[in-house]
Amino acid sequence: MGVDDLRRVLAGYRLVALDTMVFSYHLANHPRYAPLTAVVLEAVESGRVAGLTTTVTLAEILTVPAKAGDRQALQDYELYLTRFPNLQIVPLDIALARETALVRGASGLRMPDAIQVAAARLAGADAILTNDRRWAGRFAAPAVVMLDEYVA
C-alpha cells in the first residue's frame, strides 16, 4: 500500500476523525508519515472530505511548544488547528463525556483515546485515522484507518 491507496480510501469517506498523531507527524515532518499526513490534510483542506478532531488534540499539540517555553510556536500551532479549513474541533461537553464513558467502558481505551473515538461516533464519522494499534478491534464503528498500513 502507499499514498495513492490512502488517497483512494479517503475518497470513500465523507467525514473522518483525525487522531492527534496525524497533526504531530505532520508538524514534525516525520520522515515516514509526513507524506501520508499531507494526503490526509490536503483532502480535508480541499473539502474532499470533512475532518474533525477534539480539544484533546489541541491540548496535546500545544504541549510540545509549552514545554519548550516557545510562546510563538504555541500561538502558531493553535492558529494552525483552529483555522484549518473544513476541520471541526469538538469541545468536551456533557454529551461527549457520556459517550466517552461508554467507549471506555466497552473498550478499555485510555481517556484521551476514548474522547477521540466518542467524538467521532457522536459526529457520525465514517472513519478515524490513527496509528495507535491499541484501538484495533476495540470498537465496531467508526472504521479505524491505520497510517502504518499505507507506508510505502
Protein backbone atom coordinates (compact mmCIF):
# COMPACT_ATOMS: atom_id res chain seq x y z
CA MET A 1 0.00 0.00 0.00
CA GLY A 2 1.02 3.61 -0.34
CA VAL A 3 0.00 7.24 -0.64
CA ASP A 4 -2.27 6.63 -3.64
CA ASP A 5 -4.05 3.83 -1.79
CA LEU A 6 -4.69 6.15 1.15
CA ARG A 7 -6.00 8.80 -1.23
CA ARG A 8 -8.46 6.26 -2.67
CA VAL A 9 -9.60 5.14 0.78
CA LEU A 10 -10.21 8.73 1.86
CA ALA A 11 -12.28 9.36 -1.26
CA GLY A 12 -14.79 6.82 0.05
CA TYR A 13 -15.48 8.81 3.23
CA ARG A 14 -17.42 12.00 3.84
CA LEU A 15 -16.27 12.68 7.45
CA VAL A 16 -13.06 11.46 9.08
CA ALA A 17 -11.88 11.95 12.63
CA LEU A 18 -8.18 12.72 13.00
CA ASP A 19 -6.24 11.48 16.00
CA THR A 20 -3.57 13.77 17.41
CA MET A 21 -0.74 11.87 15.75
CA VAL A 22 -1.91 12.96 12.29
CA PHE A 23 -1.05 16.54 13.24
CA SER A 24 2.01 15.58 15.30
CA TYR A 25 3.58 13.68 12.42
CA HIS A 26 2.76 16.47 10.00
CA LEU A 27 4.05 19.33 12.13
CA ALA A 28 7.25 17.40 12.91
CA ASN A 29 7.68 16.49 9.23
CA HIS A 30 8.08 12.85 10.28
CA PRO A 31 10.07 11.13 7.51
CA ARG A 32 7.91 8.01 7.49
CA TYR A 33 4.45 9.52 7.97
CA ALA A 34 4.53 13.11 6.67
CA PRO A 35 3.74 12.01 3.08
CA LEU A 36 0.62 10.27 4.41
CA THR A 37 -0.47 13.08 6.69
CA ALA A 38 -0.03 15.51 3.80
CA VAL A 39 -2.54 13.46 1.77
CA VAL A 40 -4.99 13.39 4.68
CA LEU A 41 -4.73 17.09 5.46
CA GLU A 42 -4.92 18.07 1.77
CA ALA A 43 -8.14 16.06 1.47
CA VAL A 44 -9.62 17.88 4.46
CA GLU A 45 -8.32 21.31 3.46
CA SER A 46 -9.73 20.96 -0.06
CA GLY A 47 -13.11 19.81 1.25
CA ARG A 48 -12.96 16.42 -0.48
CA VAL A 49 -13.58 15.04 3.00
CA ALA A 50 -14.63 16.84 6.17
CA GLY A 51 -12.44 16.44 9.23
CA LEU A 52 -12.90 16.56 12.93
CA THR A 53 -10.75 16.31 15.98
CA THR A 54 -11.17 17.30 19.60
CA THR A 55 -9.84 19.87 22.00
CA VAL A 56 -7.74 16.98 23.37
CA THR A 57 -5.75 17.13 20.12
CA LEU A 58 -5.29 20.86 20.52
CA ALA A 59 -4.04 20.41 24.09
CA GLU A 60 -1.68 17.60 23.07
CA ILE A 61 -0.26 19.56 20.12
CA LEU A 62 0.27 22.66 22.24
CA THR A 63 2.15 20.71 24.92
CA VAL A 64 5.41 20.47 22.94
CA PRO A 65 5.90 24.23 22.48
CA ALA A 66 4.57 24.82 26.02
CA LYS A 67 7.28 22.54 27.46
CA ALA A 68 9.88 24.39 25.40
CA GLY A 69 8.55 27.76 26.55
CA ASP A 70 8.05 28.72 22.91
CA ARG A 71 5.07 31.06 23.04
CA GLN A 72 5.28 31.89 19.34
CA ALA A 73 5.09 28.21 18.32
CA LEU A 74 2.26 27.74 20.81
CA GLN A 75 0.32 30.55 19.14
CA ASP A 76 1.21 29.34 15.63
CA TYR A 77 0.07 25.77 16.34
CA GLU A 78 -3.18 27.00 17.88
CA LEU A 79 -3.91 29.17 14.86
CA TYR A 80 -3.00 26.32 12.51
CA LEU A 81 -5.51 23.95 14.09
CA THR A 82 -8.31 26.39 14.88
CA ARG A 83 -8.27 27.91 11.39
CA PHE A 84 -7.71 24.72 9.41
CA PRO A 85 -10.28 24.64 6.59
CA ASN A 86 -13.04 22.02 6.86
CA LEU A 87 -11.83 20.85 10.28
CA GLN A 88 -14.21 20.91 13.21
CA ILE A 89 -12.68 20.90 16.69
CA VAL A 90 -15.10 19.25 19.08
CA PRO A 91 -15.09 20.51 22.69
CA LEU A 92 -15.69 18.26 25.65
CA ASP A 93 -19.28 18.71 26.81
CA ILE A 94 -21.78 16.57 28.70
CA ALA A 95 -22.85 14.51 25.68
CA LEU A 96 -19.22 13.81 24.75
CA ALA A 97 -18.37 12.96 28.36
CA ARG A 98 -21.21 10.44 28.45
CA GLU A 99 -20.21 8.86 25.13
CA THR A 100 -16.59 8.78 26.28
CA ALA A 101 -17.62 6.83 29.37
CA LEU A 102 -19.49 4.36 27.17
CA VAL A 103 -16.47 3.94 24.88
CA ARG A 104 -14.13 3.47 27.85
CA GLY A 105 -16.49 1.01 29.50
CA ALA A 106 -16.77 -1.11 26.37
CA SER A 107 -13.21 -0.83 25.07
CA GLY A 108 -10.89 -0.11 27.98
CA LEU A 109 -9.23 2.70 26.00
CA ARG A 110 -7.36 5.42 27.85
CA MET A 111 -9.32 8.63 28.44
CA PRO A 112 -7.76 10.75 25.63
CA ASP A 113 -8.26 7.94 23.11
CA ALA A 114 -11.81 7.31 24.24
CA ILE A 115 -12.61 11.01 23.84
CA GLN A 116 -11.40 10.91 20.23
CA VAL A 117 -13.45 7.80 19.44
CA ALA A 118 -16.53 9.15 21.22
CA ALA A 119 -16.35 12.44 19.32
CA ALA A 120 -16.09 10.53 16.04
CA ARG A 121 -19.13 8.46 16.96
CA LEU A 122 -21.26 11.40 18.02
CA ALA A 123 -20.44 13.27 14.82
CA GLY A 124 -21.21 10.23 12.66
CA ALA A 125 -17.68 9.96 11.28
CA ASP A 126 -17.11 7.24 8.72
CA ALA A 127 -13.56 6.59 9.88
CA ILE A 128 -10.95 7.64 12.37
CA LEU A 129 -7.31 7.98 11.30
CA THR A 130 -4.68 6.99 13.81
CA ASN A 131 -1.57 4.93 14.22
CA ASP A 132 -2.45 3.61 17.65
CA ARG A 133 -2.58 -0.18 17.41
CA ARG A 134 -4.34 -0.36 20.79
CA TRP A 135 -7.51 0.83 19.02
CA ALA A 136 -7.68 -2.16 16.65
CA GLY A 137 -10.64 -4.41 17.32
CA ARG A 138 -11.82 -2.45 20.34
CA PHE A 139 -14.94 -0.96 18.72
CA ALA A 140 -17.08 -1.59 15.66
CA ALA A 141 -17.60 1.97 14.44
CA PRO A 142 -16.20 4.13 13.10
CA ALA A 143 -13.75 2.26 10.90
CA VAL A 144 -10.14 2.57 12.05
CA VAL A 145 -7.63 3.58 9.37
CA MET A 146 -4.05 2.91 10.48
CA LEU A 147 -1.42 5.08 8.83
CA ASP A 148 1.13 2.28 9.16
CA GLU A 149 -0.86 0.24 6.65
CA TYR A 150 -0.14 2.84 3.97
CA VAL A 151 3.59 3.33 4.45
CA ALA A 152 5.27 2.50 1.16
